[in-house]
Amino acid sequence: ADEKTFLETTVKNLQFKDAILVNTNAQNK
């Protein structure tokens, strides 16, 4: 169960690069 939870948490925390760029641009404004 802990291993499955570890994978689920990793999926939830996965970042997509386009989203990261959007957040960076928002902070720079």
mmCIF file of all heavy atoms, coordinates in Angstrom:
data_MODEL
# 
_entry.id   MODEL 
# 
loop_
_atom_site.group_PDB 
_atom_site.id 
_atom_site.type_symbol 
_atom_site.label_atom_id 
_atom_site.label_alt_id 
_atom_site.label_comp_id 
_atom_site.label_asym_id 
_atom_site.label_entity_id 
_atom_site.label_seq_id 
_atom_site.pdbx_PDB_ins_code 
_atom_site.Cartn_x 
_atom_site.Cartn_y 
_atom_site.Cartn_z 
_atom_site.occupancy 
_atom_site.B_iso_or_equiv 
_atom_site.pdbx_formal_charge 
_atom_site.auth_seq_id 
_atom_site.auth_comp_id 
_atom_site.auth_asym_id 
_atom_site.auth_atom_id 
_atom_site.pdbx_PDB_model_num 
ATOM 1   N N   . ALA A 1 1  ? 0.829  -1.201 0.000   1.00 0.00 ? 1  ALA A N   1 
ATOM 2   C CA  . ALA A 1 1  ? 0.000  0.000  0.000   1.00 0.00 ? 1  ALA A CA  1 
ATOM 3   C C   . ALA A 1 1  ? 0.867  1.256  0.000   1.00 0.00 ? 1  ALA A C   1 
ATOM 4   O O   . ALA A 1 1  ? 0.547  2.248  -0.668  1.00 0.00 ? 1  ALA A O   1 
ATOM 5   C CB  . ALA A 1 1  ? -0.928 -0.009 1.217   1.00 0.00 ? 1  ALA A CB  1 
ATOM 6   N N   . ASP A 1 2  ? 1.991  1.230  0.727   1.00 0.00 ? 2  ASP A N   1 
ATOM 7   C CA  . ASP A 1 2  ? 2.887  2.382  0.774   1.00 0.00 ? 2  ASP A CA  1 
ATOM 8   C C   . ASP A 1 2  ? 3.509  2.659  -0.593  1.00 0.00 ? 2  ASP A C   1 
ATOM 9   O O   . ASP A 1 2  ? 3.680  3.828  -0.983  1.00 0.00 ? 2  ASP A O   1 
ATOM 10  C CB  . ASP A 1 2  ? 3.995  2.163  1.803   1.00 0.00 ? 2  ASP A CB  1 
ATOM 11  C CG  . ASP A 1 2  ? 3.484  2.295  3.235   1.00 0.00 ? 2  ASP A CG  1 
ATOM 12  O OD1 . ASP A 1 2  ? 2.385  2.836  3.419   1.00 0.00 ? 2  ASP A OD1 1 
ATOM 13  O OD2 . ASP A 1 2  ? 4.189  1.838  4.156   1.00 0.00 ? 2  ASP A OD2 1 
ATOM 14  N N   . GLU A 1 3  ? 3.857  1.617  -1.317  1.00 0.00 ? 3  GLU A N   1 
ATOM 15  C CA  . GLU A 1 3  ? 4.450  1.791  -2.649  1.00 0.00 ? 3  GLU A CA  1 
ATOM 16  C C   . GLU A 1 3  ? 3.437  2.383  -3.620  1.00 0.00 ? 3  GLU A C   1 
ATOM 17  O O   . GLU A 1 3  ? 3.773  3.251  -4.431  1.00 0.00 ? 3  GLU A O   1 
ATOM 18  C CB  . GLU A 1 3  ? 4.986  0.445  -3.152  1.00 0.00 ? 3  GLU A CB  1 
ATOM 19  C CG  . GLU A 1 3  ? 6.226  -0.017 -2.400  1.00 0.00 ? 3  GLU A CG  1 
ATOM 20  C CD  . GLU A 1 3  ? 6.581  -1.465 -2.668  1.00 0.00 ? 3  GLU A CD  1 
ATOM 21  O OE1 . GLU A 1 3  ? 5.715  -2.234 -3.144  1.00 0.00 ? 3  GLU A OE1 1 
ATOM 22  O OE2 . GLU A 1 3  ? 7.732  -1.845 -2.400  1.00 0.00 ? 3  GLU A OE2 1 
ATOM 23  N N   . LYS A 1 4  ? 2.201  1.937  -3.534  1.00 0.00 ? 4  LYS A N   1 
ATOM 24  C CA  . LYS A 1 4  ? 1.152  2.478  -4.396  1.00 0.00 ? 4  LYS A CA  1 
ATOM 25  C C   . LYS A 1 4  ? 0.881  3.949  -4.060  1.00 0.00 ? 4  LYS A C   1 
ATOM 26  O O   . LYS A 1 4  ? 0.668  4.771  -4.953  1.00 0.00 ? 4  LYS A O   1 
ATOM 27  C CB  . LYS A 1 4  ? -0.127 1.658  -4.248  1.00 0.00 ? 4  LYS A CB  1 
ATOM 28  C CG  . LYS A 1 4  ? -0.010 0.232  -4.790  1.00 0.00 ? 4  LYS A CG  1 
ATOM 29  C CD  . LYS A 1 4  ? -1.293 -0.547 -4.571  1.00 0.00 ? 4  LYS A CD  1 
ATOM 30  C CE  . LYS A 1 4  ? -1.174 -1.973 -5.101  1.00 0.00 ? 4  LYS A CE  1 
ATOM 31  N NZ  . LYS A 1 4  ? -2.429 -2.753 -4.873  1.00 0.00 ? 4  LYS A NZ  1 
ATOM 32  N N   . THR A 1 5  ? 0.928  4.269  -2.771  1.00 0.00 ? 5  THR A N   1 
ATOM 33  C CA  . THR A 1 5  ? 0.739  5.654  -2.349  1.00 0.00 ? 5  THR A CA  1 
ATOM 34  C C   . THR A 1 5  ? 1.884  6.531  -2.830  1.00 0.00 ? 5  THR A C   1 
ATOM 35  O O   . THR A 1 5  ? 1.678  7.688  -3.233  1.00 0.00 ? 5  THR A O   1 
ATOM 36  C CB  . THR A 1 5  ? 0.631  5.734  -0.816  1.00 0.00 ? 5  THR A CB  1 
ATOM 37  O OG1 . THR A 1 5  ? -0.503 4.962  -0.383  1.00 0.00 ? 5  THR A OG1 1 
ATOM 38  C CG2 . THR A 1 5  ? 0.462  7.178  -0.347  1.00 0.00 ? 5  THR A CG2 1 
ATOM 39  N N   . PHE A 1 6  ? 3.104  5.995  -2.793  1.00 0.00 ? 6  PHE A N   1 
ATOM 40  C CA  . PHE A 1 6  ? 4.275  6.720  -3.278  1.00 0.00 ? 6  PHE A CA  1 
ATOM 41  C C   . PHE A 1 6  ? 4.115  7.078  -4.754  1.00 0.00 ? 6  PHE A C   1 
ATOM 42  O O   . PHE A 1 6  ? 4.367  8.219  -5.168  1.00 0.00 ? 6  PHE A O   1 
ATOM 43  C CB  . PHE A 1 6  ? 5.525  5.872  -3.066  1.00 0.00 ? 6  PHE A CB  1 
ATOM 44  C CG  . PHE A 1 6  ? 6.766  6.404  -3.722  1.00 0.00 ? 6  PHE A CG  1 
ATOM 45  C CD1 . PHE A 1 6  ? 7.157  7.727  -3.580  1.00 0.00 ? 6  PHE A CD1 1 
ATOM 46  C CD2 . PHE A 1 6  ? 7.570  5.573  -4.501  1.00 0.00 ? 6  PHE A CD2 1 
ATOM 47  C CE1 . PHE A 1 6  ? 8.301  8.217  -4.175  1.00 0.00 ? 6  PHE A CE1 1 
ATOM 48  C CE2 . PHE A 1 6  ? 8.712  6.047  -5.099  1.00 0.00 ? 6  PHE A CE2 1 
ATOM 49  C CZ  . PHE A 1 6  ? 9.077  7.372  -4.948  1.00 0.00 ? 6  PHE A CZ  1 
ATOM 50  N N   . LEU A 1 7  ? 3.657  6.132  -5.557  1.00 0.00 ? 7  LEU A N   1 
ATOM 51  C CA  . LEU A 1 7  ? 3.439  6.392  -6.984  1.00 0.00 ? 7  LEU A CA  1 
ATOM 52  C C   . LEU A 1 7  ? 2.334  7.431  -7.171  1.00 0.00 ? 7  LEU A C   1 
ATOM 53  O O   . LEU A 1 7  ? 2.482  8.371  -7.967  1.00 0.00 ? 7  LEU A O   1 
ATOM 54  C CB  . LEU A 1 7  ? 3.068  5.100  -7.711  1.00 0.00 ? 7  LEU A CB  1 
ATOM 55  C CG  . LEU A 1 7  ? 2.737  5.252  -9.198  1.00 0.00 ? 7  LEU A CG  1 
ATOM 56  C CD1 . LEU A 1 7  ? 3.940  5.766  -9.975  1.00 0.00 ? 7  LEU A CD1 1 
ATOM 57  C CD2 . LEU A 1 7  ? 2.248  3.931  -9.785  1.00 0.00 ? 7  LEU A CD2 1 
ATOM 58  N N   . GLU A 1 8  ? 1.246  7.288  -6.436  1.00 0.00 ? 8  GLU A N   1 
ATOM 59  C CA  . GLU A 1 8  ? 0.134  8.233  -6.559  1.00 0.00 ? 8  GLU A CA  1 
ATOM 60  C C   . GLU A 1 8  ? 0.577  9.650  -6.202  1.00 0.00 ? 8  GLU A C   1 
ATOM 61  O O   . GLU A 1 8  ? 0.225  10.616 -6.892  1.00 0.00 ? 8  GLU A O   1 
ATOM 62  C CB  . GLU A 1 8  ? -1.011 7.795  -5.644  1.00 0.00 ? 8  GLU A CB  1 
ATOM 63  C CG  . GLU A 1 8  ? -2.220 8.721  -5.699  1.00 0.00 ? 8  GLU A CG  1 
ATOM 64  C CD  . GLU A 1 8  ? -3.350 8.256  -4.804  1.00 0.00 ? 8  GLU A CD  1 
ATOM 65  O OE1 . GLU A 1 8  ? -3.466 7.036  -4.572  1.00 0.00 ? 8  GLU A OE1 1 
ATOM 66  O OE2 . GLU A 1 8  ? -4.127 9.113  -4.337  1.00 0.00 ? 8  GLU A OE2 1 
ATOM 67  N N   . THR A 1 9  ? 1.361  9.777  -5.141  1.00 0.00 ? 9  THR A N   1 
ATOM 68  C CA  . THR A 1 9  ? 1.862  11.088 -4.743  1.00 0.00 ? 9  THR A CA  1 
ATOM 69  C C   . THR A 1 9  ? 2.769  11.679 -5.807  1.00 0.00 ? 9  THR A C   1 
ATOM 70  O O   . THR A 1 9  ? 2.717  12.889 -6.100  1.00 0.00 ? 9  THR A O   1 
ATOM 71  C CB  . THR A 1 9  ? 2.635  10.974 -3.408  1.00 0.00 ? 9  THR A CB  1 
ATOM 72  O OG1 . THR A 1 9  ? 1.762  10.452 -2.404  1.00 0.00 ? 9  THR A OG1 1 
ATOM 73  C CG2 . THR A 1 9  ? 3.161  12.341 -2.968  1.00 0.00 ? 9  THR A CG2 1 
ATOM 74  N N   . THR A 1 10 ? 3.596  10.850 -6.414  1.00 0.00 ? 10 THR A N   1 
ATOM 75  C CA  . THR A 1 10 ? 4.499  11.304 -7.474  1.00 0.00 ? 10 THR A CA  1 
ATOM 76  C C   . THR A 1 10 ? 3.702  11.814 -8.671  1.00 0.00 ? 10 THR A C   1 
ATOM 77  O O   . THR A 1 10 ? 4.054  12.830 -9.277  1.00 0.00 ? 10 THR A O   1 
ATOM 78  C CB  . THR A 1 10 ? 5.440  10.173 -7.909  1.00 0.00 ? 10 THR A CB  1 
ATOM 79  O OG1 . THR A 1 10 ? 6.148  9.674  -6.766  1.00 0.00 ? 10 THR A OG1 1 
ATOM 80  C CG2 . THR A 1 10 ? 6.447  10.663 -8.935  1.00 0.00 ? 10 THR A CG2 1 
ATOM 81  N N   . VAL A 1 11 ? 2.626  11.122 -9.000  1.00 0.00 ? 11 VAL A N   1 
ATOM 82  C CA  . VAL A 1 11 ? 1.771  11.546 -10.119 1.00 0.00 ? 11 VAL A CA  1 
ATOM 83  C C   . VAL A 1 11 ? 1.107  12.886 -9.798  1.00 0.00 ? 11 VAL A C   1 
ATOM 84  O O   . VAL A 1 11 ? 1.056  13.791 -10.636 1.00 0.00 ? 11 VAL A O   1 
ATOM 85  C CB  . VAL A 1 11 ? 0.701  10.472 -10.420 1.00 0.00 ? 11 VAL A CB  1 
ATOM 86  C CG1 . VAL A 1 11 ? -0.282 10.976 -11.477 1.00 0.00 ? 11 VAL A CG1 1 
ATOM 87  C CG2 . VAL A 1 11 ? 1.354  9.188  -10.896 1.00 0.00 ? 11 VAL A CG2 1 
ATOM 88  N N   . LYS A 1 12 ? 0.611  13.030 -8.576  1.00 0.00 ? 12 LYS A N   1 
ATOM 89  C CA  . LYS A 1 12 ? -0.050 14.276 -8.180  1.00 0.00 ? 12 LYS A CA  1 
ATOM 90  C C   . LYS A 1 12 ? 0.906  15.465 -8.224  1.00 0.00 ? 12 LYS A C   1 
ATOM 91  O O   . LYS A 1 12 ? 0.496  16.597 -8.510  1.00 0.00 ? 12 LYS A O   1 
ATOM 92  C CB  . LYS A 1 12 ? -0.627 14.136 -6.772  1.00 0.00 ? 12 LYS A CB  1 
ATOM 93  C CG  . LYS A 1 12 ? -1.848 13.235 -6.672  1.00 0.00 ? 12 LYS A CG  1 
ATOM 94  C CD  . LYS A 1 12 ? -2.332 13.159 -5.242  1.00 0.00 ? 12 LYS A CD  1 
ATOM 95  C CE  . LYS A 1 12 ? -3.586 12.302 -5.121  1.00 0.00 ? 12 LYS A CE  1 
ATOM 96  N NZ  . LYS A 1 12 ? -4.046 12.176 -3.713  1.00 0.00 ? 12 LYS A NZ  1 
ATOM 97  N N   . ASN A 1 13 ? 2.184  15.207 -7.930  1.00 0.00 ? 13 ASN A N   1 
ATOM 98  C CA  . ASN A 1 13 ? 3.179  16.283 -7.872  1.00 0.00 ? 13 ASN A CA  1 
ATOM 99  C C   . ASN A 1 13 ? 3.909  16.508 -9.192  1.00 0.00 ? 13 ASN A C   1 
ATOM 100 O O   . ASN A 1 13 ? 4.756  17.403 -9.281  1.00 0.00 ? 13 ASN A O   1 
ATOM 101 C CB  . ASN A 1 13 ? 4.201  15.992 -6.778  1.00 0.00 ? 13 ASN A CB  1 
ATOM 102 C CG  . ASN A 1 13 ? 3.592  16.040 -5.384  1.00 0.00 ? 13 ASN A CG  1 
ATOM 103 O OD1 . ASN A 1 13 ? 2.583  16.697 -5.164  1.00 0.00 ? 13 ASN A OD1 1 
ATOM 104 N ND2 . ASN A 1 13 ? 4.195  15.331 -4.444  1.00 0.00 ? 13 ASN A ND2 1 
ATOM 105 N N   . LEU A 1 14 ? 3.610  15.694 -10.206 1.00 0.00 ? 14 LEU A N   1 
ATOM 106 C CA  . LEU A 1 14 ? 4.263  15.854 -11.505 1.00 0.00 ? 14 LEU A CA  1 
ATOM 107 C C   . LEU A 1 14 ? 3.959  17.237 -12.071 1.00 0.00 ? 14 LEU A C   1 
ATOM 108 O O   . LEU A 1 14 ? 2.824  17.706 -12.023 1.00 0.00 ? 14 LEU A O   1 
ATOM 109 C CB  . LEU A 1 14 ? 3.775  14.780 -12.473 1.00 0.00 ? 14 LEU A CB  1 
ATOM 110 C CG  . LEU A 1 14 ? 4.475  14.753 -13.837 1.00 0.00 ? 14 LEU A CG  1 
ATOM 111 C CD1 . LEU A 1 14 ? 5.861  14.120 -13.708 1.00 0.00 ? 14 LEU A CD1 1 
ATOM 112 C CD2 . LEU A 1 14 ? 3.644  13.972 -14.852 1.00 0.00 ? 14 LEU A CD2 1 
ATOM 113 N N   . GLN A 1 15 ? 4.989  17.891 -12.599 1.00 0.00 ? 15 GLN A N   1 
ATOM 114 C CA  . GLN A 1 15 ? 4.813  19.215 -13.188 1.00 0.00 ? 15 GLN A CA  1 
ATOM 115 C C   . GLN A 1 15 ? 5.031  19.146 -14.697 1.00 0.00 ? 15 GLN A C   1 
ATOM 116 O O   . GLN A 1 15 ? 5.933  18.452 -15.166 1.00 0.00 ? 15 GLN A O   1 
ATOM 117 C CB  . GLN A 1 15 ? 5.818  20.199 -12.596 1.00 0.00 ? 15 GLN A CB  1 
ATOM 118 C CG  . GLN A 1 15 ? 5.700  20.378 -11.092 1.00 0.00 ? 15 GLN A CG  1 
ATOM 119 C CD  . GLN A 1 15 ? 6.738  21.349 -10.574 1.00 0.00 ? 15 GLN A CD  1 
ATOM 120 O OE1 . GLN A 1 15 ? 6.670  22.544 -10.828 1.00 0.00 ? 15 GLN A OE1 1 
ATOM 121 N NE2 . GLN A 1 15 ? 7.729  20.839 -9.854  1.00 0.00 ? 15 GLN A NE2 1 
ATOM 122 N N   . PHE A 1 16 ? 4.191  19.864 -15.414 1.00 0.00 ? 16 PHE A N   1 
ATOM 123 C CA  . PHE A 1 16 ? 4.333  19.960 -16.860 1.00 0.00 ? 16 PHE A CA  1 
ATOM 124 C C   . PHE A 1 16 ? 5.045  21.259 -17.183 1.00 0.00 ? 16 PHE A C   1 
ATOM 125 O O   . PHE A 1 16 ? 4.744  22.307 -16.602 1.00 0.00 ? 16 PHE A O   1 
ATOM 126 C CB  . PHE A 1 16 ? 2.969  19.905 -17.541 1.00 0.00 ? 16 PHE A CB  1 
ATOM 127 C CG  . PHE A 1 16 ? 2.216  18.638 -17.243 1.00 0.00 ? 16 PHE A CG  1 
ATOM 128 C CD1 . PHE A 1 16 ? 1.211  18.623 -16.287 1.00 0.00 ? 16 PHE A CD1 1 
ATOM 129 C CD2 . PHE A 1 16 ? 2.527  17.459 -17.892 1.00 0.00 ? 16 PHE A CD2 1 
ATOM 130 C CE1 . PHE A 1 16 ? 0.523  17.463 -15.993 1.00 0.00 ? 16 PHE A CE1 1 
ATOM 131 C CE2 . PHE A 1 16 ? 1.841  16.282 -17.615 1.00 0.00 ? 16 PHE A CE2 1 
ATOM 132 C CZ  . PHE A 1 16 ? 0.835  16.289 -16.661 1.00 0.00 ? 16 PHE A CZ  1 
ATOM 133 N N   . LYS A 1 17 ? 5.982  21.225 -18.113 1.00 0.00 ? 17 LYS A N   1 
ATOM 134 C CA  . LYS A 1 17 ? 6.850  22.376 -18.356 1.00 0.00 ? 17 LYS A CA  1 
ATOM 135 C C   . LYS A 1 17 ? 6.098  23.608 -18.814 1.00 0.00 ? 17 LYS A C   1 
ATOM 136 O O   . LYS A 1 17 ? 6.460  24.721 -18.475 1.00 0.00 ? 17 LYS A O   1 
ATOM 137 C CB  . LYS A 1 17 ? 7.940  22.000 -19.368 1.00 0.00 ? 17 LYS A CB  1 
ATOM 138 C CG  . LYS A 1 17 ? 8.966  21.027 -18.825 1.00 0.00 ? 17 LYS A CG  1 
ATOM 139 C CD  . LYS A 1 17 ? 10.129 20.842 -19.759 1.00 0.00 ? 17 LYS A CD  1 
ATOM 140 C CE  . LYS A 1 17 ? 10.985 22.086 -19.862 1.00 0.00 ? 17 LYS A CE  1 
ATOM 141 N NZ  . LYS A 1 17 ? 12.166 21.879 -20.705 1.00 0.00 ? 17 LYS A NZ  1 
ATOM 142 N N   . ASP A 1 18 ? 5.011  23.437 -19.575 1.00 0.00 ? 18 ASP A N   1 
ATOM 143 C CA  . ASP A 1 18 ? 4.267  24.611 -20.019 1.00 0.00 ? 18 ASP A CA  1 
ATOM 144 C C   . ASP A 1 18 ? 3.602  25.306 -18.836 1.00 0.00 ? 18 ASP A C   1 
ATOM 145 O O   . ASP A 1 18 ? 3.536  26.530 -18.771 1.00 0.00 ? 18 ASP A O   1 
ATOM 146 C CB  . ASP A 1 18 ? 3.231  24.244 -21.081 1.00 0.00 ? 18 ASP A CB  1 
ATOM 147 C CG  . ASP A 1 18 ? 2.239  23.203 -20.601 1.00 0.00 ? 18 ASP A CG  1 
ATOM 148 O OD1 . ASP A 1 18 ? 2.468  22.587 -19.543 1.00 0.00 ? 18 ASP A OD1 1 
ATOM 149 O OD2 . ASP A 1 18 ? 1.222  22.995 -21.291 1.00 0.00 ? 18 ASP A OD2 1 
ATOM 150 N N   . ALA A 1 19 ? 3.153  24.512 -17.840 1.00 0.00 ? 19 ALA A N   1 
ATOM 151 C CA  . ALA A 1 19 ? 2.556  25.098 -16.635 1.00 0.00 ? 19 ALA A CA  1 
ATOM 152 C C   . ALA A 1 19 ? 3.602  25.853 -15.834 1.00 0.00 ? 19 ALA A C   1 
ATOM 153 O O   . ALA A 1 19 ? 3.335  26.905 -15.255 1.00 0.00 ? 19 ALA A O   1 
ATOM 154 C CB  . ALA A 1 19 ? 1.918  24.015 -15.775 1.00 0.00 ? 19 ALA A CB  1 
ATOM 155 N N   . ILE A 1 20 ? 4.813  25.327 -15.801 1.00 0.00 ? 20 ILE A N   1 
ATOM 156 C CA  . ILE A 1 20 ? 5.902  25.979 -15.071 1.00 0.00 ? 20 ILE A CA  1 
ATOM 157 C C   . ILE A 1 20 ? 6.239  27.311 -15.720 1.00 0.00 ? 20 ILE A C   1 
ATOM 158 O O   . ILE A 1 20 ? 6.444  28.323 -15.049 1.00 0.00 ? 20 ILE A O   1 
ATOM 159 C CB  . ILE A 1 20 ? 7.147  25.068 -15.041 1.00 0.00 ? 20 ILE A CB  1 
ATOM 160 C CG1 . ILE A 1 20 ? 6.833  23.792 -14.252 1.00 0.00 ? 20 ILE A CG1 1 
ATOM 161 C CG2 . ILE A 1 20 ? 8.333  25.786 -14.416 1.00 0.00 ? 20 ILE A CG2 1 
ATOM 162 C CD1 . ILE A 1 20 ? 7.902  22.745 -14.347 1.00 0.00 ? 20 ILE A CD1 1 
ATOM 163 N N   . LEU A 1 21 ? 6.245  27.340 -17.052 1.00 0.00 ? 21 LEU A N   1 
ATOM 164 C CA  . LEU A 1 21 ? 6.542  28.579 -17.767 1.00 0.00 ? 21 LEU A CA  1 
ATOM 165 C C   . LEU A 1 21 ? 5.468  29.624 -17.516 1.00 0.00 ? 21 LEU A C   1 
ATOM 166 O O   . LEU A 1 21 ? 5.758  30.800 -17.345 1.00 0.00 ? 21 LEU A O   1 
ATOM 167 C CB  . LEU A 1 21 ? 6.666  28.286 -19.273 1.00 0.00 ? 21 LEU A CB  1 
ATOM 168 C CG  . LEU A 1 21 ? 7.900  27.482 -19.698 1.00 0.00 ? 21 LEU A CG  1 
ATOM 169 C CD1 . LEU A 1 21 ? 7.806  27.132 -21.175 1.00 0.00 ? 21 LEU A CD1 1 
ATOM 170 C CD2 . LEU A 1 21 ? 9.173  28.271 -19.426 1.00 0.00 ? 21 LEU A CD2 1 
ATOM 171 N N   . VAL A 1 22 ? 4.204  29.195 -17.468 1.00 0.00 ? 22 VAL A N   1 
ATOM 172 C CA  . VAL A 1 22 ? 3.107  30.115 -17.208 1.00 0.00 ? 22 VAL A CA  1 
ATOM 173 C C   . VAL A 1 22 ? 3.256  30.723 -15.821 1.00 0.00 ? 22 VAL A C   1 
ATOM 174 O O   . VAL A 1 22 ? 3.115  31.930 -15.627 1.00 0.00 ? 22 VAL A O   1 
ATOM 175 C CB  . VAL A 1 22 ? 1.751  29.390 -17.335 1.00 0.00 ? 22 VAL A CB  1 
ATOM 176 C CG1 . VAL A 1 22 ? 0.644  30.274 -16.780 1.00 0.00 ? 22 VAL A CG1 1 
ATOM 177 C CG2 . VAL A 1 22 ? 1.470  29.045 -18.783 1.00 0.00 ? 22 VAL A CG2 1 
ATOM 178 N N   . ASN A 1 23 ? 3.573  29.885 -14.828 1.00 0.00 ? 23 ASN A N   1 
ATOM 179 C CA  . ASN A 1 23 ? 3.745  30.392 -13.467 1.00 0.00 ? 23 ASN A CA  1 
ATOM 180 C C   . ASN A 1 23 ? 4.917  31.357 -13.375 1.00 0.00 ? 23 ASN A C   1 
ATOM 181 O O   . ASN A 1 23 ? 4.850  32.376 -12.695 1.00 0.00 ? 23 ASN A O   1 
ATOM 182 C CB  . ASN A 1 23 ? 3.979  29.206 -12.503 1.00 0.00 ? 23 ASN A CB  1 
ATOM 183 C CG  . ASN A 1 23 ? 2.739  28.379 -12.336 1.00 0.00 ? 23 ASN A CG  1 
ATOM 184 O OD1 . ASN A 1 23 ? 1.644  28.855 -12.550 1.00 0.00 ? 23 ASN A OD1 1 
ATOM 185 N ND2 . ASN A 1 23 ? 2.898  27.116 -11.959 1.00 0.00 ? 23 ASN A ND2 1 
ATOM 186 N N   . THR A 1 24 ? 5.985  31.068 -14.085 1.00 0.00 ? 24 THR A N   1 
ATOM 187 C CA  . THR A 1 24 ? 7.165  31.944 -14.081 1.00 0.00 ? 24 THR A CA  1 
ATOM 188 C C   . THR A 1 24 ? 6.834  33.284 -14.696 1.00 0.00 ? 24 THR A C   1 
ATOM 189 O O   . THR A 1 24 ? 7.198  34.351 -14.180 1.00 0.00 ? 24 THR A O   1 
ATOM 190 C CB  . THR A 1 24 ? 8.325  31.290 -14.851 1.00 0.00 ? 24 THR A CB  1 
ATOM 191 O OG1 . THR A 1 24 ? 8.615  30.033 -14.247 1.00 0.00 ? 24 THR A OG1 1 
ATOM 192 C CG2 . THR A 1 24 ? 9.563  32.170 -14.811 1.00 0.00 ? 24 THR A CG2 1 
ATOM 193 N N   . ASN A 1 25 ? 6.100  33.268 -15.813 1.00 0.00 ? 25 ASN A N   1 
ATOM 194 C CA  . ASN A 1 25 ? 5.733  34.519 -16.467 1.00 0.00 ? 25 ASN A CA  1 
ATOM 195 C C   . ASN A 1 25 ? 4.817  35.347 -15.579 1.00 0.00 ? 25 ASN A C   1 
ATOM 196 O O   . ASN A 1 25 ? 4.913  36.571 -15.525 1.00 0.00 ? 25 ASN A O   1 
ATOM 197 C CB  . ASN A 1 25 ? 5.020  34.216 -17.791 1.00 0.00 ? 25 ASN A CB  1 
ATOM 198 C CG  . ASN A 1 25 ? 5.983  33.626 -18.814 1.00 0.00 ? 25 ASN A CG  1 
ATOM 199 O OD1 . ASN A 1 25 ? 7.176  33.825 -18.734 1.00 0.00 ? 25 ASN A OD1 1 
ATOM 200 N ND2 . ASN A 1 25 ? 5.432  32.866 -19.758 1.00 0.00 ? 25 ASN A ND2 1 
ATOM 201 N N   . ALA A 1 26 ? 3.913  34.682 -14.856 1.00 0.00 ? 26 ALA A N   1 
ATOM 202 C CA  . ALA A 1 26 ? 2.987  35.394 -13.968 1.00 0.00 ? 26 ALA A CA  1 
ATOM 203 C C   . ALA A 1 26 ? 3.761  36.083 -12.841 1.00 0.00 ? 26 ALA A C   1 
ATOM 204 O O   . ALA A 1 26 ? 3.416  37.188 -12.442 1.00 0.00 ? 26 ALA A O   1 
ATOM 205 C CB  . ALA A 1 26 ? 1.960  34.421 -13.404 1.00 0.00 ? 26 ALA A CB  1 
ATOM 206 N N   . GLN A 1 27 ? 4.796  35.416 -12.347 1.00 0.00 ? 27 GLN A N   1 
ATOM 207 C CA  . GLN A 1 27 ? 5.579  35.990 -11.269 1.00 0.00 ? 27 GLN A CA  1 
ATOM 208 C C   . GLN A 1 27 ? 6.416  37.171 -11.746 1.00 0.00 ? 27 GLN A C   1 
ATOM 209 O O   . GLN A 1 27 ? 6.713  38.078 -10.983 1.00 0.00 ? 27 GLN A O   1 
ATOM 210 C CB  . GLN A 1 27 ? 6.489  34.910 -10.654 1.00 0.00 ? 27 GLN A CB  1 
ATOM 211 C CG  . GLN A 1 27 ? 5.728  33.824 -9.921  1.00 0.00 ? 27 GLN A CG  1 
ATOM 212 C CD  . GLN A 1 27 ? 6.626  32.683 -9.520  1.00 0.00 ? 27 GLN A CD  1 
ATOM 213 O OE1 . GLN A 1 27 ? 7.829  32.711 -9.757  1.00 0.00 ? 27 GLN A OE1 1 
ATOM 214 N NE2 . GLN A 1 27 ? 6.058  31.669 -8.894  1.00 0.00 ? 27 GLN A NE2 1 
ATOM 215 N N   . ASN A 1 28 ? 6.790  37.147 -13.025 1.00 0.00 ? 28 ASN A N   1 
ATOM 216 C CA  . ASN A 1 28 ? 7.648  38.202 -13.560 1.00 0.00 ? 28 ASN A CA  1 
ATOM 217 C C   . ASN A 1 28 ? 6.866  39.476 -13.876 1.00 0.00 ? 28 ASN A C   1 
ATOM 218 O O   . ASN A 1 28 ? 7.457  40.518 -14.106 1.00 0.00 ? 28 ASN A O   1 
ATOM 219 C CB  . ASN A 1 28 ? 8.366  37.712 -14.826 1.00 0.00 ? 28 ASN A CB  1 
ATOM 220 C CG  . ASN A 1 28 ? 9.417  36.658 -14.497 1.00 0.00 ? 28 ASN A CG  1 
ATOM 221 O OD1 . ASN A 1 28 ? 9.901  36.602 -13.362 1.00 0.00 ? 28 ASN A OD1 1 
ATOM 222 N ND2 . ASN A 1 28 ? 9.751  35.835 -15.470 1.00 0.00 ? 28 ASN A ND2 1 
ATOM 223 N N   . LYS A 1 29 ? 5.531  39.378 -13.922 1.00 0.00 ? 29 LYS A N   1 
ATOM 224 C CA  . LYS A 1 29 ? 4.723  40.554 -14.280 1.00 0.00 ? 29 LYS A CA  1 
ATOM 225 C C   . LYS A 1 29 ? 4.577  41.489 -13.078 1.00 0.00 ? 29 LYS A C   1 
ATOM 226 O O   . LYS A 1 29 ? 4.547  41.045 -11.952 1.00 0.00 ? 29 LYS A O   1 
ATOM 227 C CB  . LYS A 1 29 ? 3.336  40.106 -14.768 1.00 0.00 ? 29 LYS A CB  1 
ATOM 228 C CG  . LYS A 1 29 ? 3.408  39.437 -16.127 1.00 0.00 ? 29 LYS A CG  1 
ATOM 229 C CD  . LYS A 1 29 ? 2.015  39.050 -16.605 1.00 0.00 ? 29 LYS A CD  1 
ATOM 230 C CE  . LYS A 1 29 ? 2.084  38.416 -17.972 1.00 0.00 ? 29 LYS A CE  1 
ATOM 231 N NZ  . LYS A 1 29 ? 0.738  38.033 -18.453 1.00 0.00 ? 29 LYS A NZ  1 
# 
